[in-house]
Amino acid sequence: MIKFSTEVAFKTCVLGSLIGLSAVLINWGIITLLGGYKLIFNYQWSYLPVFFLFLIGYTIQAIAEELICRGYLMGYWLKKKRVVFAFLTNSILYVFLHVVNAGFDVYAALSLFLFSVLMSEIRLISGNIWLCSAINAAWHFSEGIIFGTVVSGFPAIRLFITSTPTSNTQWLNGGVFGIERGAISIMLLILLIMIVVRLHKHHLKSLPQQLG
């Protein structure tokens, strides 16, 4: 399990938040451009206290998920030099944590598994749970609070934008489970996984020696 450093890098948290927000913005933006949502802008200044409360809540949830999956479980198998097993076990657990969510099905499971693989890559390369936690928190916070979509089967809070699905076409907007289940999200996650591998292929090749 990775210990939290007493010198928490502010830049790391900002970077993770920007990555999570940007990924959801691209996903949501493509769906909206394809006509998947009808938008209503409804932000009011009185929502600001609620905004920060949900930000804290999503952050706590993200840290808890990352500690369990990419911290303890993945770290346990990495210590045993079982990289592939470390990826698989924590990703399967991450999917299992969402099985009771509304709209959960094989496509939602695939999306969750790919998200976990992406987080596992980032954790393996950076060794930084804070970065993974920031991405996780910003990803889900922006889905429900900023862009007003369903978050992994949970209703959107919609403090900034109300994104109302224009149809029941699940491949586009993800249906009851939300945009994470949609084809755009799945393709985006695959692309991000490939980009991380491409950018850090030399580092990944040296992992066997580092773990050994």
Protein backbone atom coordinates (compact mmCIF):
# COMPACT_ATOMS: atom_id res chain seq x y z
CA MET A 1 0.00 0.00 0.00
CA ILE A 2 1.37 3.39 -0.99
CA LYS A 3 1.83 5.79 1.91
CA PHE A 4 0.63 9.36 1.54
CA SER A 5 3.51 11.80 1.49
CA THR A 6 3.38 14.65 3.96
CA GLU A 7 4.29 16.93 1.05
CA VAL A 8 1.17 16.53 -1.06
CA ALA A 9 1.91 18.11 -4.43
CA PHE A 10 -0.71 20.70 -5.28
CA LYS A 11 0.27 20.48 -8.93
CA THR A 12 -0.42 16.74 -8.94
CA CYS A 13 -3.98 17.25 -7.68
CA VAL A 14 -4.58 20.04 -10.19
CA LEU A 15 -3.18 17.90 -13.02
CA GLY A 16 -5.38 14.95 -12.07
CA SER A 17 -8.45 17.19 -11.82
CA LEU A 18 -7.77 18.67 -15.26
CA ILE A 19 -7.34 15.21 -16.79
CA GLY A 20 -10.61 13.95 -15.31
CA LEU A 21 -12.54 17.09 -16.24
CA SER A 22 -11.13 17.16 -19.79
CA ALA A 23 -11.94 13.51 -20.42
CA VAL A 24 -15.56 13.96 -19.36
CA LEU A 25 -15.83 17.22 -21.30
CA ILE A 26 -14.71 15.45 -24.48
CA ASN A 27 -17.08 12.54 -23.84
CA TRP A 28 -20.06 14.73 -22.97
CA GLY A 29 -19.26 17.18 -25.77
CA ILE A 30 -19.24 14.49 -28.47
CA ILE A 31 -22.54 13.07 -27.20
CA THR A 32 -24.08 16.55 -27.13
CA LEU A 33 -22.84 17.36 -30.65
CA LEU A 34 -24.39 14.11 -31.86
CA GLY A 35 -27.71 15.24 -30.42
CA GLY A 36 -27.73 13.00 -27.39
CA TYR A 37 -28.65 15.72 -24.88
CA LYS A 38 -30.93 18.70 -24.58
CA LEU A 39 -29.19 21.28 -22.42
CA ILE A 40 -30.55 23.67 -19.81
CA PHE A 41 -28.17 26.02 -17.98
CA ASN A 42 -29.42 26.47 -14.44
CA TYR A 43 -26.53 27.60 -12.22
CA GLN A 44 -27.27 30.00 -9.36
CA TRP A 45 -24.83 31.50 -6.83
CA SER A 46 -26.89 30.01 -4.01
CA TYR A 47 -25.71 26.58 -5.21
CA LEU A 48 -22.09 27.36 -4.29
CA PRO A 49 -22.13 25.81 -0.76
CA VAL A 50 -23.75 22.64 -2.14
CA PHE A 51 -21.14 22.61 -4.91
CA PHE A 52 -18.29 22.41 -2.38
CA LEU A 53 -20.08 19.82 -0.27
CA PHE A 54 -20.43 17.51 -3.24
CA LEU A 55 -16.81 18.21 -4.23
CA ILE A 56 -15.70 17.02 -0.80
CA GLY A 57 -17.99 14.00 -1.00
CA TYR A 58 -16.78 12.89 -4.42
CA THR A 59 -13.18 13.41 -3.32
CA ILE A 60 -13.62 11.19 -0.26
CA GLN A 61 -15.32 8.52 -2.36
CA ALA A 62 -12.55 8.63 -4.98
CA ILE A 63 -9.78 8.38 -2.38
CA ALA A 64 -11.52 5.41 -0.76
CA GLU A 65 -11.88 3.59 -4.11
CA GLU A 66 -8.28 4.28 -5.08
CA LEU A 67 -6.93 3.23 -1.68
CA ILE A 68 -8.76 -0.10 -1.85
CA CYS A 69 -8.24 -0.92 -5.52
CA ARG A 70 -5.03 0.79 -6.69
CA GLY A 71 -3.54 1.17 -3.22
CA TYR A 72 -3.90 -1.94 -1.12
CA LEU A 73 -4.95 -4.65 -3.59
CA MET A 74 -2.78 -3.61 -6.52
CA GLY A 75 0.12 -2.81 -4.22
CA TYR A 76 -0.14 -6.25 -2.61
CA TRP A 77 0.31 -8.06 -5.92
CA LEU A 78 2.98 -5.68 -7.17
CA LYS A 79 5.06 -6.57 -4.12
CA LYS A 80 4.78 -10.17 -5.27
CA LYS A 81 5.91 -9.08 -8.77
CA ARG A 82 2.58 -10.09 -10.33
CA VAL A 83 1.89 -7.05 -12.53
CA VAL A 84 -0.81 -8.61 -14.72
CA PHE A 85 -2.55 -10.09 -11.70
CA ALA A 86 -2.33 -6.71 -9.97
CA PHE A 87 -4.17 -5.11 -12.89
CA LEU A 88 -6.81 -7.82 -13.15
CA THR A 89 -7.69 -8.24 -9.49
CA ASN A 90 -8.10 -4.57 -8.68
CA SER A 91 -10.04 -3.92 -11.90
CA ILE A 92 -12.41 -6.83 -11.26
CA LEU A 93 -12.97 -5.57 -7.71
CA TYR A 94 -13.64 -2.06 -9.03
CA VAL A 95 -16.31 -3.46 -11.37
CA PHE A 96 -17.79 -5.55 -8.55
CA LEU A 97 -18.17 -2.44 -6.38
CA HIS A 98 -20.70 -1.12 -8.92
CA VAL A 99 -22.77 -4.23 -9.71
CA VAL A 100 -25.80 -3.06 -7.70
CA ASN A 101 -25.92 0.32 -9.44
CA ALA A 102 -28.93 1.09 -11.63
CA GLY A 103 -28.44 0.16 -15.28
CA PHE A 104 -25.40 -2.03 -14.65
CA ASP A 105 -24.81 -4.50 -17.49
CA VAL A 106 -21.97 -5.95 -19.54
CA TYR A 107 -21.25 -2.62 -21.27
CA ALA A 108 -21.14 -0.76 -17.97
CA ALA A 109 -18.83 -3.48 -16.62
CA LEU A 110 -16.55 -3.09 -19.66
CA SER A 111 -16.35 0.68 -19.21
CA LEU A 112 -15.61 0.37 -15.48
CA PHE A 113 -12.96 -2.26 -16.17
CA LEU A 114 -11.27 -0.03 -18.77
CA PHE A 115 -11.37 2.95 -16.39
CA SER A 116 -9.71 0.82 -13.73
CA VAL A 117 -7.05 -0.34 -16.18
CA LEU A 118 -6.33 3.30 -17.03
CA MET A 119 -6.03 4.21 -13.34
CA SER A 120 -3.81 1.17 -12.80
CA GLU A 121 -1.49 2.30 -15.59
CA ILE A 122 -1.21 5.77 -14.06
CA ARG A 123 -0.64 4.34 -10.59
CA LEU A 124 2.01 1.93 -11.89
CA ILE A 125 3.89 4.61 -13.81
CA SER A 126 3.59 7.49 -11.35
CA GLY A 127 3.35 5.57 -8.08
CA ASN A 128 0.95 8.32 -7.04
CA ILE A 129 -2.44 7.53 -5.52
CA TRP A 130 -3.19 11.25 -5.25
CA LEU A 131 -3.07 11.59 -9.03
CA CYS A 132 -5.45 8.67 -9.51
CA SER A 133 -7.77 9.99 -6.80
CA ALA A 134 -7.89 13.45 -8.38
CA ILE A 135 -8.74 12.00 -11.80
CA ASN A 136 -11.40 9.73 -10.31
CA ALA A 137 -13.00 12.53 -8.27
CA ALA A 138 -12.99 15.08 -11.11
CA TRP A 139 -14.31 12.48 -13.58
CA HIS A 140 -17.42 11.64 -11.55
CA PHE A 141 -17.92 15.09 -10.03
CA SER A 142 -17.97 16.75 -13.44
CA GLU A 143 -20.36 14.13 -14.82
CA GLY A 144 -23.05 14.70 -12.20
CA ILE A 145 -22.48 18.17 -10.79
CA ILE A 146 -21.14 20.19 -13.73
CA PHE A 147 -22.53 18.50 -16.85
CA GLY A 148 -25.67 17.14 -15.22
CA THR A 149 -25.58 13.52 -16.37
CA VAL A 150 -26.23 10.27 -14.54
CA VAL A 151 -23.15 9.04 -12.63
CA SER A 152 -22.69 5.26 -12.67
CA GLY A 153 -26.39 4.67 -12.16
CA PHE A 154 -26.90 7.47 -9.61
CA PRO A 155 -29.10 10.49 -10.44
CA ALA A 156 -27.39 13.70 -11.51
CA ILE A 157 -27.41 16.68 -9.14
CA ARG A 158 -27.19 19.21 -12.00
CA LEU A 159 -25.93 22.36 -10.33
CA PHE A 160 -24.62 23.90 -13.56
CA ILE A 161 -26.18 22.14 -16.56
CA THR A 162 -29.13 19.81 -16.93
CA SER A 163 -28.34 17.29 -19.69
CA THR A 164 -31.61 15.61 -20.60
CA PRO A 165 -31.27 12.58 -22.93
CA THR A 166 -33.10 13.14 -26.20
CA SER A 167 -33.60 9.41 -26.80
CA ASN A 168 -33.21 5.99 -25.18
CA THR A 169 -30.27 5.16 -27.45
CA GLN A 170 -27.98 3.60 -24.85
CA TRP A 171 -24.92 3.32 -27.08
CA LEU A 172 -24.84 7.13 -27.22
CA ASN A 173 -25.84 8.45 -23.78
CA GLY A 174 -25.47 5.25 -21.72
CA GLY A 175 -29.10 5.06 -20.63
CA VAL A 176 -29.85 4.59 -16.94
CA PHE A 177 -26.21 3.94 -16.00
CA GLY A 178 -24.99 7.17 -17.58
CA ILE A 179 -22.43 8.23 -20.16
CA GLU A 180 -19.78 5.85 -18.79
CA ARG A 181 -21.77 3.00 -20.31
CA GLY A 182 -21.94 4.56 -23.78
CA ALA A 183 -19.82 3.68 -26.79
CA ILE A 184 -18.13 7.10 -26.79
CA SER A 185 -16.84 6.56 -23.26
CA ILE A 186 -15.61 3.04 -24.03
CA MET A 187 -13.74 4.20 -27.14
CA LEU A 188 -12.28 7.18 -25.25
CA LEU A 189 -11.01 4.95 -22.44
CA ILE A 190 -9.39 2.57 -24.92
CA LEU A 191 -7.74 5.56 -26.62
CA LEU A 192 -6.45 6.95 -23.31
CA ILE A 193 -5.06 3.55 -22.30
CA MET A 194 -3.21 3.33 -25.63
CA ILE A 195 -1.89 6.89 -25.27
CA VAL A 196 -0.51 6.20 -21.79
CA VAL A 197 1.19 3.02 -23.05
CA ARG A 198 2.58 4.88 -26.05
CA LEU A 199 3.95 7.78 -24.01
CA HIS A 200 5.48 5.56 -21.33
CA LYS A 201 6.45 2.43 -23.27
CA HIS A 202 10.11 2.72 -22.27
CA HIS A 203 9.16 3.00 -18.61
CA LEU A 204 6.79 0.03 -18.89
CA LYS A 205 9.47 -2.10 -20.53
CA SER A 206 11.79 -1.48 -17.59
CA LEU A 207 9.19 -2.46 -14.97
CA PRO A 208 10.30 -6.12 -14.70
CA GLN A 209 13.79 -4.97 -13.71
CA GLN A 210 12.43 -2.36 -11.30
CA LEU A 211 10.12 -4.85 -9.61
CA GLY A 212 12.80 -7.48 -9.55
